[in-house]
Amino acid sequence: VEGLSDTTLPWGRTEQDALDRWTGEGFPVFGVATIGTPADAI
């Protein structure tokens, strides 16, 4: 994502920070991910 946008993302330093962002407010490109169980997907 940083390469696409030519930007350094301040929250992309650790795996946990990146996962929090991806499952919370979402990535600038991919949106909010559902990372969980089948019940979460449903």
Full PDB file with SEQRES, HELIX, SHEET, SSBOND, CRYST1, ORIGX, SCALE, CONECT and MASTER records, all heavy atoms in Angstrom:
SEQRES   1 A   42  VAL GLU GLY LEU SER ASP THR THR LEU PRO TRP GLY ARG          
SEQRES   2 A   42  THR GLU GLN ASP ALA LEU ASP ARG TRP THR GLY GLU GLY          
SEQRES   3 A   42  PHE PRO VAL PHE GLY VAL ALA THR ILE GLY THR PRO ALA          
SEQRES   4 A   42  ASP ALA ILE                                                  
HELIX    1 AA1 GLU A    2  SER A    5  1                                   4    
HELIX    2 AA2 GLU A   15  THR A   23  1                                   9    
HELIX    3 AA3 PRO A   38  ALA A   41  1                                   4    
CRYST1    1.000    1.000    1.000  90.00  90.00  90.00 P 1           1          
ORIGX1      1.000000  0.000000  0.000000        0.00000                         
ORIGX2      0.000000  1.000000  0.000000        0.00000                         
ORIGX3      0.000000  0.000000  1.000000        0.00000                         
SCALE1      1.000000  0.000000  0.000000        0.00000                         
SCALE2      0.000000  1.000000  0.000000        0.00000                         
SCALE3      0.000000  0.000000  1.000000        0.00000                         
ATOM      1  N   VAL A   1       0.838  -1.200   0.000  1.00  0.00           N  
ATOM      2  CA  VAL A   1       0.000   0.000   0.000  1.00  0.00           C  
ATOM      3  C   VAL A   1       0.873   1.251   0.000  1.00  0.00           C  
ATOM      4  O   VAL A   1       0.583   2.221  -0.704  1.00  0.00           O  
ATOM      5  CB  VAL A   1      -0.961  -0.001   1.213  1.00  0.00           C  
ATOM      6  CG1 VAL A   1      -1.713   1.318   1.318  1.00  0.00           C  
ATOM      7  CG2 VAL A   1      -1.937  -1.165   1.116  1.00  0.00           C  
ATOM      8  N   GLU A   2       1.937   1.220   0.775  1.00  0.00           N  
ATOM      9  CA  GLU A   2       2.849   2.365   0.795  1.00  0.00           C  
ATOM     10  C   GLU A   2       3.468   2.599  -0.577  1.00  0.00           C  
ATOM     11  O   GLU A   2       3.615   3.747  -1.017  1.00  0.00           O  
ATOM     12  CB  GLU A   2       3.943   2.132   1.841  1.00  0.00           C  
ATOM     13  CG  GLU A   2       3.446   2.242   3.272  1.00  0.00           C  
ATOM     14  CD  GLU A   2       4.541   1.973   4.291  1.00  0.00           C  
ATOM     15  OE1 GLU A   2       5.509   1.243   3.961  1.00  0.00           O  
ATOM     16  OE2 GLU A   2       4.428   2.469   5.413  1.00  0.00           O  
ATOM     17  N   GLY A   3       3.819   1.522  -1.266  1.00  0.00           N  
ATOM     18  CA  GLY A   3       4.380   1.660  -2.598  1.00  0.00           C  
ATOM     19  C   GLY A   3       3.389   2.242  -3.586  1.00  0.00           C  
ATOM     20  O   GLY A   3       3.752   3.061  -4.443  1.00  0.00           O  
ATOM     21  N   LEU A   4       2.120   1.838  -3.470  1.00  0.00           N  
ATOM     22  CA  LEU A   4       1.086   2.374  -4.359  1.00  0.00           C  
ATOM     23  C   LEU A   4       0.865   3.863  -4.142  1.00  0.00           C  
ATOM     24  O   LEU A   4       0.640   4.619  -5.084  1.00  0.00           O  
ATOM     25  CB  LEU A   4      -0.249   1.647  -4.122  1.00  0.00           C  
ATOM     26  CG  LEU A   4      -0.391   0.223  -4.648  1.00  0.00           C  
ATOM     27  CD1 LEU A   4      -1.767  -0.318  -4.272  1.00  0.00           C  
ATOM     28  CD2 LEU A   4      -0.209   0.179  -6.161  1.00  0.00           C  
ATOM     29  N   SER A   5       0.896   4.248  -2.867  1.00  0.00           N  
ATOM     30  CA  SER A   5       0.545   5.630  -2.531  1.00  0.00           C  
ATOM     31  C   SER A   5       1.760   6.536  -2.350  1.00  0.00           C  
ATOM     32  O   SER A   5       1.602   7.737  -2.133  1.00  0.00           O  
ATOM     33  CB  SER A   5      -0.283   5.648  -1.244  1.00  0.00           C  
ATOM     34  OG  SER A   5       0.467   5.095  -0.165  1.00  0.00           O  
ATOM     35  N   ASP A   6       2.953   5.947  -2.414  1.00  0.00           N  
ATOM     36  CA  ASP A   6       4.188   6.702  -2.186  1.00  0.00           C  
ATOM     37  C   ASP A   6       4.118   7.439  -0.847  1.00  0.00           C  
ATOM     38  O   ASP A   6       4.468   8.610  -0.744  1.00  0.00           O  
ATOM     39  CB  ASP A   6       4.446   7.688  -3.335  1.00  0.00           C  
ATOM     40  CG  ASP A   6       5.873   8.221  -3.321  1.00  0.00           C  
ATOM     41  OD1 ASP A   6       6.762   7.509  -2.802  1.00  0.00           O  
ATOM     42  OD2 ASP A   6       6.087   9.344  -3.801  1.00  0.00           O  
ATOM     43  N   THR A   7       3.617   6.738   0.167  1.00  0.00           N  
ATOM     44  CA  THR A   7       3.439   7.300   1.496  1.00  0.00           C  
ATOM     45  C   THR A   7       3.887   6.281   2.534  1.00  0.00           C  
ATOM     46  O   THR A   7       3.694   5.085   2.355  1.00  0.00           O  
ATOM     47  CB  THR A   7       1.947   7.630   1.756  1.00  0.00           C  
ATOM     48  OG1 THR A   7       1.481   8.491   0.729  1.00  0.00           O  
ATOM     49  CG2 THR A   7       1.743   8.282   3.106  1.00  0.00           C  
ATOM     50  N   THR A   8       4.468   6.751   3.622  1.00  0.00           N  
ATOM     51  CA  THR A   8       4.782   5.875   4.740  1.00  0.00           C  
ATOM     52  C   THR A   8       3.618   5.938   5.721  1.00  0.00           C  
ATOM     53  O   THR A   8       3.258   7.018   6.199  1.00  0.00           O  
ATOM     54  CB  THR A   8       6.083   6.312   5.450  1.00  0.00           C  
ATOM     55  OG1 THR A   8       7.154   6.234   4.502  1.00  0.00           O  
ATOM     56  CG2 THR A   8       6.388   5.423   6.643  1.00  0.00           C  
ATOM     57  N   LEU A   9       3.022   4.784   5.999  1.00  0.00           N  
ATOM     58  CA  LEU A   9       1.857   4.740   6.876  1.00  0.00           C  
ATOM     59  C   LEU A   9       2.310   4.685   8.330  1.00  0.00           C  
ATOM     60  O   LEU A   9       3.065   3.785   8.711  1.00  0.00           O  
ATOM     61  CB  LEU A   9       1.008   3.509   6.544  1.00  0.00           C  
ATOM     62  CG  LEU A   9       0.505   3.446   5.097  1.00  0.00           C  
ATOM     63  CD1 LEU A   9      -0.189   2.125   4.835  1.00  0.00           C  
ATOM     64  CD2 LEU A   9      -0.434   4.607   4.805  1.00  0.00           C  
ATOM     65  N   PRO A  10       1.861   5.607   9.155  1.00  0.00           N  
ATOM     66  CA  PRO A  10       2.341   5.674  10.539  1.00  0.00           C  
ATOM     67  C   PRO A  10       1.918   4.484  11.389  1.00  0.00           C  
ATOM     68  O   PRO A  10       2.549   4.177  12.387  1.00  0.00           O  
ATOM     69  CB  PRO A  10       1.719   6.975  11.065  1.00  0.00           C  
ATOM     70  CG  PRO A  10       0.540   7.224  10.193  1.00  0.00           C  
ATOM     71  CD  PRO A  10       0.909   6.680   8.855  1.00  0.00           C  
ATOM     72  N   TRP A  11       0.857   3.793  10.987  1.00  0.00           N  
ATOM     73  CA  TRP A  11       0.370   2.672  11.789  1.00  0.00           C  
ATOM     74  C   TRP A  11       0.858   1.327  11.271  1.00  0.00           C  
ATOM     75  O   TRP A  11       0.445   0.288  11.771  1.00  0.00           O  
ATOM     76  CB  TRP A  11      -1.162   2.671  11.812  1.00  0.00           C  
ATOM     77  CG  TRP A  11      -1.782   2.936  10.469  1.00  0.00           C  
ATOM     78  CD1 TRP A  11      -2.216   4.142  10.002  1.00  0.00           C  
ATOM     79  CD2 TRP A  11      -1.998   2.000   9.425  1.00  0.00           C  
ATOM     80  NE1 TRP A  11      -2.691   4.005   8.728  1.00  0.00           N  
ATOM     81  CE2 TRP A  11      -2.583   2.708   8.346  1.00  0.00           C  
ATOM     82  CE3 TRP A  11      -1.775   0.642   9.277  1.00  0.00           C  
ATOM     83  CZ2 TRP A  11      -2.925   2.092   7.148  1.00  0.00           C  
ATOM     84  CZ3 TRP A  11      -2.115   0.026   8.089  1.00  0.00           C  
ATOM     85  CH2 TRP A  11      -2.692   0.751   7.048  1.00  0.00           C  
ATOM     86  N   GLY A  12       1.731   1.313  10.306  1.00  0.00           N  
ATOM     87  CA  GLY A  12       2.164   0.057   9.702  1.00  0.00           C  
ATOM     88  C   GLY A  12       3.516  -0.429  10.167  1.00  0.00           C  
ATOM     89  O   GLY A  12       4.242  -1.050   9.408  1.00  0.00           O  
ATOM     90  N   ARG A  13       3.868  -0.148  11.423  1.00  0.00           N  
ATOM     91  CA  ARG A  13       5.182  -0.552  11.918  1.00  0.00           C  
ATOM     92  C   ARG A  13       5.172  -1.947  12.534  1.00  0.00           C  
ATOM     93  O   ARG A  13       6.167  -2.655  12.476  1.00  0.00           O  
ATOM     94  CB  ARG A  13       5.703   0.440  12.963  1.00  0.00           C  
ATOM     95  CG  ARG A  13       5.835   1.890  12.489  1.00  0.00           C  
ATOM     96  CD  ARG A  13       6.715   2.045  11.268  1.00  0.00           C  
ATOM     97  NE  ARG A  13       5.903   2.124  10.055  1.00  0.00           N  
ATOM     98  CZ  ARG A  13       6.338   1.909   8.836  1.00  0.00           C  
ATOM     99  NH1 ARG A  13       7.568   1.566   8.623  1.00  0.00           N  
ATOM    100  NH2 ARG A  13       5.539   2.002   7.798  1.00  0.00           N  
ATOM    101  N   THR A  14       4.071  -2.332  13.172  1.00  0.00           N  
ATOM    102  CA  THR A  14       3.994  -3.658  13.785  1.00  0.00           C  
ATOM    103  C   THR A  14       2.799  -4.425  13.221  1.00  0.00           C  
ATOM    104  O   THR A  14       1.838  -3.820  12.731  1.00  0.00           O  
ATOM    105  CB  THR A  14       3.836  -3.578  15.315  1.00  0.00           C  
ATOM    106  OG1 THR A  14       2.531  -3.072  15.631  1.00  0.00           O  
ATOM    107  CG2 THR A  14       4.906  -2.683  15.934  1.00  0.00           C  
ATOM    108  N   GLU A  15       2.863  -5.730  13.329  1.00  0.00           N  
ATOM    109  CA  GLU A  15       1.765  -6.561  12.837  1.00  0.00           C  
ATOM    110  C   GLU A  15       0.456  -6.228  13.555  1.00  0.00           C  
ATOM    111  O   GLU A  15      -0.601  -6.119  12.928  1.00  0.00           O  
ATOM    112  CB  GLU A  15       2.108  -8.037  13.035  1.00  0.00           C  
ATOM    113  CG  GLU A  15       3.263  -8.505  12.170  1.00  0.00           C  
ATOM    114  CD  GLU A  15       3.793  -9.858  12.579  1.00  0.00           C  
ATOM    115  OE1 GLU A  15       3.450 -10.330  13.695  1.00  0.00           O  
ATOM    116  OE2 GLU A  15       4.550 -10.456  11.791  1.00  0.00           O  
ATOM    117  N   GLN A  16       0.539  -6.050  14.875  1.00  0.00           N  
ATOM    118  CA  GLN A  16      -0.683  -5.795  15.649  1.00  0.00           C  
ATOM    119  C   GLN A  16      -1.304  -4.444  15.291  1.00  0.00           C  
ATOM    120  O   GLN A  16      -2.526  -4.332  15.178  1.00  0.00           O  
ATOM    121  CB  GLN A  16      -0.394  -5.883  17.147  1.00  0.00           C  
ATOM    122  CG  GLN A  16      -0.022  -7.285  17.604  1.00  0.00           C  
ATOM    123  CD  GLN A  16      -1.025  -8.340  17.142  1.00  0.00           C  
ATOM    124  OE1 GLN A  16      -2.232  -8.198  17.315  1.00  0.00           O  
ATOM    125  NE2 GLN A  16      -0.525  -9.416  16.531  1.00  0.00           N  
ATOM    126  N   ASP A  17      -0.468  -3.419  15.116  1.00  0.00           N  
ATOM    127  CA  ASP A  17      -1.003  -2.109  14.717  1.00  0.00           C  
ATOM    128  C   ASP A  17      -1.687  -2.196  13.355  1.00  0.00           C  
ATOM    129  O   ASP A  17      -2.758  -1.630  13.143  1.00  0.00           O  
ATOM    130  CB  ASP A  17       0.123  -1.069  14.643  1.00  0.00           C  
ATOM    131  CG  ASP A  17       0.554  -0.594  16.017  1.00  0.00           C  
ATOM    132  OD1 ASP A  17      -0.164  -0.879  16.989  1.00  0.00           O  
ATOM    133  OD2 ASP A  17       1.605   0.053  16.105  1.00  0.00           O  
ATOM    134  N   ALA A  18      -1.047  -2.913  12.438  1.00  0.00           N  
ATOM    135  CA  ALA A  18      -1.615  -3.039  11.091  1.00  0.00           C  
ATOM    136  C   ALA A  18      -2.933  -3.818  11.131  1.00  0.00           C  
ATOM    137  O   ALA A  18      -3.902  -3.456  10.461  1.00  0.00           O  
ATOM    138  CB  ALA A  18      -0.613  -3.717  10.171  1.00  0.00           C  
ATOM    139  N   LEU A  19      -2.987  -4.889  11.927  1.00  0.00           N  
ATOM    140  CA  LEU A  19      -4.220  -5.656  12.050  1.00  0.00           C  
ATOM    141  C   LEU A  19      -5.333  -4.840  12.688  1.00  0.00           C  
ATOM    142  O   LEU A  19      -6.494  -4.916  12.281  1.00  0.00           O  
ATOM    143  CB  LEU A  19      -3.969  -6.932  12.863  1.00  0.00           C  
ATOM    144  CG  LEU A  19      -3.242  -8.049  12.119  1.00  0.00           C  
ATOM    145  CD1 LEU A  19      -2.797  -9.130  13.092  1.00  0.00           C  
ATOM    146  CD2 LEU A  19      -4.113  -8.645  11.035  1.00  0.00           C  
ATOM    147  N   ASP A  20      -4.977  -4.036  13.697  1.00  0.00           N  
ATOM    148  CA  ASP A  20      -5.982  -3.166  14.322  1.00  0.00           C  
ATOM    149  C   ASP A  20      -6.574  -2.218  13.290  1.00  0.00           C  
ATOM    150  O   ASP A  20      -7.787  -1.996  13.248  1.00  0.00           O  
ATOM    151  CB  ASP A  20      -5.356  -2.357  15.464  1.00  0.00           C  
ATOM    152  CG  ASP A  20      -5.058  -3.208  16.689  1.00  0.00           C  
ATOM    153  OD1 ASP A  20      -5.600  -4.333  16.777  1.00  0.00           O  
ATOM    154  OD2 ASP A  20      -4.270  -2.751  17.543  1.00  0.00           O  
ATOM    155  N   ARG A  21      -5.714  -1.646  12.470  1.00  0.00           N  
ATOM    156  CA  ARG A  21      -6.170  -0.714  11.448  1.00  0.00           C  
ATOM    157  C   ARG A  21      -7.035  -1.418  10.402  1.00  0.00           C  
ATOM    158  O   ARG A  21      -8.092  -0.921  10.015  1.00  0.00           O  
ATOM    159  CB  ARG A  21      -4.945  -0.073  10.767  1.00  0.00           C  
ATOM    160  CG  ARG A  21      -5.270   0.832   9.614  1.00  0.00           C  
ATOM    161  CD  ARG A  21      -5.941   2.108  10.065  1.00  0.00           C  
ATOM    162  NE  ARG A  21      -6.163   2.989   8.945  1.00  0.00           N  
ATOM    163  CZ  ARG A  21      -6.193   4.299   9.019  1.00  0.00           C  
ATOM    164  NH1 ARG A  21      -6.043   4.907  10.171  1.00  0.00           N  
ATOM    165  NH2 ARG A  21      -6.405   5.032   7.946  1.00  0.00           N  
ATOM    166  N   TRP A  22      -6.597  -2.589   9.973  1.00  0.00           N  
ATOM    167  CA  TRP A  22      -7.298  -3.303   8.903  1.00  0.00           C  
ATOM    168  C   TRP A  22      -8.675  -3.786   9.343  1.00  0.00           C  
ATOM    169  O   TRP A  22      -9.604  -3.835   8.559  1.00  0.00           O  
ATOM    170  CB  TRP A  22      -6.452  -4.477   8.446  1.00  0.00           C  
ATOM    171  CG  TRP A  22      -6.824  -4.985   7.081  1.00  0.00           C  
ATOM    172  CD1 TRP A  22      -7.557  -4.340   6.133  1.00  0.00           C  
ATOM    173  CD2 TRP A  22      -6.465  -6.235   6.525  1.00  0.00           C  
ATOM    174  NE1 TRP A  22      -7.673  -5.119   5.006  1.00  0.00           N  
ATOM    175  CE2 TRP A  22      -7.015  -6.284   5.228  1.00  0.00           C  
ATOM    176  CE3 TRP A  22      -5.712  -7.313   6.990  1.00  0.00           C  
ATOM    177  CZ2 TRP A  22      -6.840  -7.385   4.396  1.00  0.00           C  
ATOM    178  CZ3 TRP A  22      -5.546  -8.392   6.150  1.00  0.00           C  
ATOM    179  CH2 TRP A  22      -6.103  -8.429   4.869  1.00  0.00           C  
ATOM    180  N   THR A  23      -8.801  -4.144  10.601  1.00  0.00           N  
ATOM    181  CA  THR A  23     -10.090  -4.631  11.099  1.00  0.00           C  
ATOM    182  C   THR A  23     -10.926  -3.527  11.725  1.00  0.00           C  
ATOM    183  O   THR A  23     -12.070  -3.760  12.103  1.00  0.00           O  
ATOM    184  CB  THR A  23      -9.883  -5.759  12.127  1.00  0.00           C  
ATOM    185  OG1 THR A  23      -9.038  -5.279  13.179  1.00  0.00           O  
ATOM    186  CG2 THR A  23      -9.254  -6.978  11.482  1.00  0.00           C  
ATOM    187  N   GLY A  24     -10.348  -2.324  11.834  1.00  0.00           N  
ATOM    188  CA  GLY A  24     -11.070  -1.197  12.417  1.00  0.00           C  
ATOM    189  C   GLY A  24     -11.499  -0.206  11.358  1.00  0.00           C  
ATOM    190  O   GLY A  24     -12.557  -0.318  10.762  1.00  0.00           O  
ATOM    191  N   GLU A  25     -10.645   0.735  11.079  1.00  0.00           N  
ATOM    192  CA  GLU A  25     -10.979   1.770  10.095  1.00  0.00           C  
ATOM    193  C   GLU A  25     -10.693   1.329   8.660  1.00  0.00           C  
ATOM    194  O   GLU A  25     -11.178   1.926   7.716  1.00  0.00           O  
ATOM    195  CB  GLU A  25     -10.189   3.041  10.393  1.00  0.00           C  
ATOM    196  CG  GLU A  25     -10.531   3.660  11.751  1.00  0.00           C  
ATOM    197  CD  GLU A  25      -9.672   4.869  12.040  1.00  0.00           C  
ATOM    198  OE1 GLU A  25      -9.374   5.623  11.099  1.00  0.00           O  
ATOM    199  OE2 GLU A  25      -9.289   5.052  13.202  1.00  0.00           O  
ATOM    200  N   GLY A  26      -9.888   0.296   8.496  1.00  0.00           N  
ATOM    201  CA  GLY A  26      -9.626  -0.221   7.160  1.00  0.00           C  
ATOM    202  C   GLY A  26      -8.385   0.364   6.515  1.00  0.00           C  
ATOM    203  O   GLY A  26      -7.890   1.412   6.889  1.00  0.00           O  
ATOM    204  N   PHE A  27      -7.861  -0.378   5.571  1.00  0.00           N  
ATOM    205  CA  PHE A  27      -6.738   0.084   4.772  1.00  0.00           C  
ATOM    206  C   PHE A  27      -7.218   1.134   3.781  1.00  0.00           C  
ATOM    207  O   PHE A  27      -8.384   1.139   3.395  1.00  0.00           O  
ATOM    208  CB  PHE A  27      -6.150  -1.093   3.987  1.00  0.00           C  
ATOM    209  CG  PHE A  27      -5.097  -1.867   4.727  1.00  0.00           C  
ATOM    210  CD1 PHE A  27      -5.133  -1.985   6.094  1.00  0.00           C  
ATOM    211  CD2 PHE A  27      -4.079  -2.484   4.038  1.00  0.00           C  
ATOM    212  CE1 PHE A  27      -4.168  -2.714   6.767  1.00  0.00           C  
ATOM    213  CE2 PHE A  27      -3.113  -3.220   4.694  1.00  0.00           C  
ATOM    214  CZ  PHE A  27      -3.155  -3.333   6.063  1.00  0.00           C  
ATOM    215  N   PRO A  28      -6.330   2.015   3.335  1.00  0.00           N  
ATOM    216  CA  PRO A  28      -6.725   3.004   2.324  1.00  0.00           C  
ATOM    217  C   PRO A  28      -7.192   2.356   1.022  1.00  0.00           C  
ATOM    218  O   PRO A  28      -7.970   2.937   0.284  1.00  0.00           O  
ATOM    219  CB  PRO A  28      -5.439   3.800   2.095  1.00  0.00           C  
ATOM    220  CG  PRO A  28      -4.603   3.561   3.298  1.00  0.00           C  
ATOM    221  CD  PRO A  28      -4.953   2.194   3.783  1.00  0.00           C  
ATOM    222  N   VAL A  29      -6.726   1.147   0.747  1.00  0.00           N  
ATOM    223  CA  VAL A  29      -7.041   0.512  -0.529  1.00  0.00           C  
ATOM    224  C   VAL A  29      -8.060  -0.616  -0.379  1.00  0.00           C  
ATOM    225  O   VAL A  29      -9.012  -0.708  -1.138  1.00  0.00           O  
ATOM    226  CB  VAL A  29      -5.759  -0.050  -1.190  1.00  0.00           C  
ATOM    227  CG1 VAL A  29      -6.097  -0.798  -2.473  1.00  0.00           C  
ATOM    228  CG2 VAL A  29      -4.772   1.083  -1.462  1.00  0.00           C  
ATOM    229  N   PHE A  30      -7.905  -1.464   0.630  1.00  0.00           N  
ATOM    230  CA  PHE A  30      -8.653  -2.722   0.680  1.00  0.00           C  
ATOM    231  C   PHE A  30      -9.902  -2.692   1.553  1.00  0.00           C  
ATOM    232  O   PHE A  30     -10.690  -3.626   1.523  1.00  0.00           O  
ATOM    233  CB  PHE A  30      -7.742  -3.853   1.148  1.00  0.00           C  
ATOM    234  CG  PHE A  30      -6.528  -4.018   0.288  1.00  0.00           C  
ATOM    235  CD1 PHE A  30      -5.270  -3.814   0.797  1.00  0.00           C  
ATOM    236  CD2 PHE A  30      -6.665  -4.354  -1.046  1.00  0.00           C  
ATOM    237  CE1 PHE A  30      -4.142  -3.959  -0.002  1.00  0.00           C  
ATOM    238  CE2 PHE A  30      -5.543  -4.501  -1.857  1.00  0.00           C  
ATOM    239  CZ  PHE A  30      -4.283  -4.301  -1.330  1.00  0.00           C  
ATOM    240  N   GLY A  31     -10.092  -1.682   2.353  1.00  0.00           N  
ATOM    241  CA  GLY A  31     -11.274  -1.637   3.204  1.00  0.00           C  
ATOM    242  C   GLY A  31     -11.109  -2.453   4.472  1.00  0.00           C  
ATOM    243  O   GLY A  31     -10.052  -2.999   4.763  1.00  0.00           O  
ATOM    244  N   VAL A  32     -12.178  -2.533   5.246  1.00  0.00           N  
ATOM    245  CA  VAL A  32     -12.161  -3.230   6.524  1.00  0.00           C  
ATOM    246  C   VAL A  32     -12.209  -4.736   6.291  1.00  0.00           C  
ATOM    247  O   VAL A  32     -13.101  -5.233   5.613  1.00  0.00           O  
ATOM    248  CB  VAL A  32     -13.349  -2.800   7.397  1.00  0.00           C  
ATOM    249  CG1 VAL A  32     -13.363  -3.577   8.700  1.00  0.00           C  
ATOM    250  CG2 VAL A  32     -13.281  -1.299   7.676  1.00  0.00           C  
ATOM    251  N   ALA A  33     -11.254  -5.445   6.866  1.00  0.00           N  
ATOM    252  CA  ALA A  33     -11.217  -6.898   6.718  1.00  0.00           C  
ATOM    253  C   ALA A  33     -12.021  -7.573   7.818  1.00  0.00           C  
ATOM    254  O   ALA A  33     -12.066  -7.087   8.954  1.00  0.00           O  
ATOM    255  CB  ALA A  33      -9.775  -7.392   6.764  1.00  0.00           C  
ATOM    256  N   THR A  34     -12.630  -8.683   7.486  1.00  0.00           N  
ATOM    257  CA  THR A  34     -13.245  -9.555   8.479  1.00  0.00           C  
ATOM    258  C   THR A  34     -12.227 -10.633   8.783  1.00  0.00           C  
ATOM    259  O   THR A  34     -11.968 -11.511   7.953  1.00  0.00           O  
ATOM    260  CB  THR A  34     -14.541 -10.179   7.942  1.00  0.00           C  
ATOM    261  OG1 THR A  34     -15.454  -9.130   7.628  1.00  0.00           O  
ATOM    262  CG2 THR A  34     -15.172 -11.105   8.974  1.00  0.00           C  
ATOM    263  N   ILE A  35     -11.612 -10.546   9.938  1.00  0.00           N  
ATOM    264  CA  ILE A  35     -10.630 -11.534  10.374  1.00  0.00           C  
ATOM    265  C   ILE A  35     -11.200 -12.159  11.632  1.00  0.00           C  
ATOM    266  O   ILE A  35     -11.204 -11.551  12.696  1.00  0.00           O  
ATOM    267  CB  ILE A  35      -9.250 -10.886  10.627  1.00  0.00           C  
ATOM    268  CG1 ILE A  35      -8.724 -10.272   9.328  1.00  0.00           C  
ATOM    269  CG2 ILE A  35      -8.271 -11.912  11.170  1.00  0.00           C  
ATOM    270  CD1 ILE A  35      -7.426  -9.525   9.466  1.00  0.00           C  
ATOM    271  N   GLY A  36     -11.735 -13.368  11.487  1.00  0.00           N  
ATOM    272  CA  GLY A  36     -12.409 -13.985  12.619  1.00  0.00           C  
ATOM    273  C   GLY A  36     -12.949 -15.351  12.268  1.00  0.00           C  
ATOM    274  O   GLY A  36     -12.317 -16.121  11.556  1.00  0.00           O  
ATOM    275  N   THR A  37     -14.158 -15.632  12.744  1.00  0.00           N  
ATOM    276  CA  THR A  37     -14.773 -16.938  12.597  1.00  0.00           C  
ATOM    277  C   THR A  37     -15.831 -16.919  11.490  1.00  0.00           C  
ATOM    278  O   THR A  37     -16.206 -15.843  11.010  1.00  0.00           O  
ATOM    279  CB  THR A  37     -15.454 -17.343  13.909  1.00  0.00           C  
ATOM    280  OG1 THR A  37     -16.535 -16.425  14.157  1.00  0.00           O  
ATOM    281  CG2 THR A  37     -14.465 -17.310  15.079  1.00  0.00           C  
ATOM    282  N   PRO A  38     -16.343 -18.084  11.103  1.00  0.00           N  
ATOM    283  CA  PRO A  38     -17.451 -18.093  10.151  1.00  0.00           C  
ATOM    284  C   PRO A  38     -18.647 -17.259  10.626  1.00  0.00           C  
ATOM    285  O   PRO A  38     -19.309 -16.623   9.802  1.00  0.00           O  
ATOM    286  CB  PRO A  38     -17.799 -19.585  10.044  1.00  0.00           C  
ATOM    287  CG  PRO A  38     -16.490 -20.278  10.264  1.00  0.00           C  
ATOM    288  CD  PRO A  38     -15.817 -19.463  11.339  1.00  0.00           C  
ATOM    289  N   ALA A  39     -18.896 -17.252  11.927  1.00  0.00           N  
ATOM    290  CA  ALA A  39     -20.000 -16.434  12.443  1.00  0.00           C  
ATOM    291  C   ALA A  39     -19.753 -14.956  12.177  1.00  0.00           C  
ATOM    292  O   ALA A  39     -20.689 -14.196  11.861  1.00  0.00           O  
ATOM    293  CB  ALA A  39     -20.187 -16.673  13.939  1.00  0.00           C  
ATOM    294  N   ASP A  40     -18.498 -14.520  12.284  1.00  0.00           N  
ATOM    295  CA  ASP A  40     -18.159 -13.123  11.969  1.00  0.00           C  
ATOM    296  C   ASP A  40     -18.394 -12.837  10.489  1.00  0.00           C  
ATOM    297  O   ASP A  40     -18.867 -11.755  10.119  1.00  0.00           O  
ATOM    298  CB  ASP A  40     -16.695 -12.836  12.324  1.00  0.00           C  
ATOM    299  CG  ASP A  40     -16.423 -12.947  13.810  1.00  0.00           C  
ATOM    300  OD1 ASP A  40     -17.292 -12.551  14.609  1.00  0.00           O  
ATOM    301  OD2 ASP A  40     -15.337 -13.448  14.167  1.00  0.00           O  
ATOM    302  N   ALA A  41     -18.047 -13.793   9.638  1.00  0.00           N  
ATOM    303  CA  ALA A  41     -18.258 -13.623   8.193  1.00  0.00           C  
ATOM    304  C   ALA A  41     -19.748 -13.510   7.881  1.00  0.00           C  
ATOM    305  O   ALA A  41     -20.165 -12.663   7.081  1.00  0.00           O  
ATOM    306  CB  ALA A  41     -17.639 -14.792   7.427  1.00  0.00           C  
ATOM    307  N   ILE A  42     -20.547 -14.352   8.517  1.00  0.00           N  
ATOM    308  CA  ILE A  42     -22.000 -14.310   8.299  1.00  0.00           C  
ATOM    309  C   ILE A  42     -22.554 -12.954   8.713  1.00  0.00           C  
ATOM    310  O   ILE A  42     -23.351 -12.345   7.993  1.00  0.00           O  
ATOM    311  CB  ILE A  42     -22.682 -15.460   9.066  1.00  0.00           C  
ATOM    312  CG1 ILE A  42     -22.354 -16.795   8.385  1.00  0.00           C  
ATOM    313  CG2 ILE A  42     -24.191 -15.246   9.145  1.00  0.00           C  
ATOM    314  CD1 ILE A  42     -22.736 -18.019   9.198  1.00  0.00           C  
TER     315      ILE A  42                                                      
MASTER        0    0    0    3    0    0    0    6  314    1    0    4          
END                                                                             
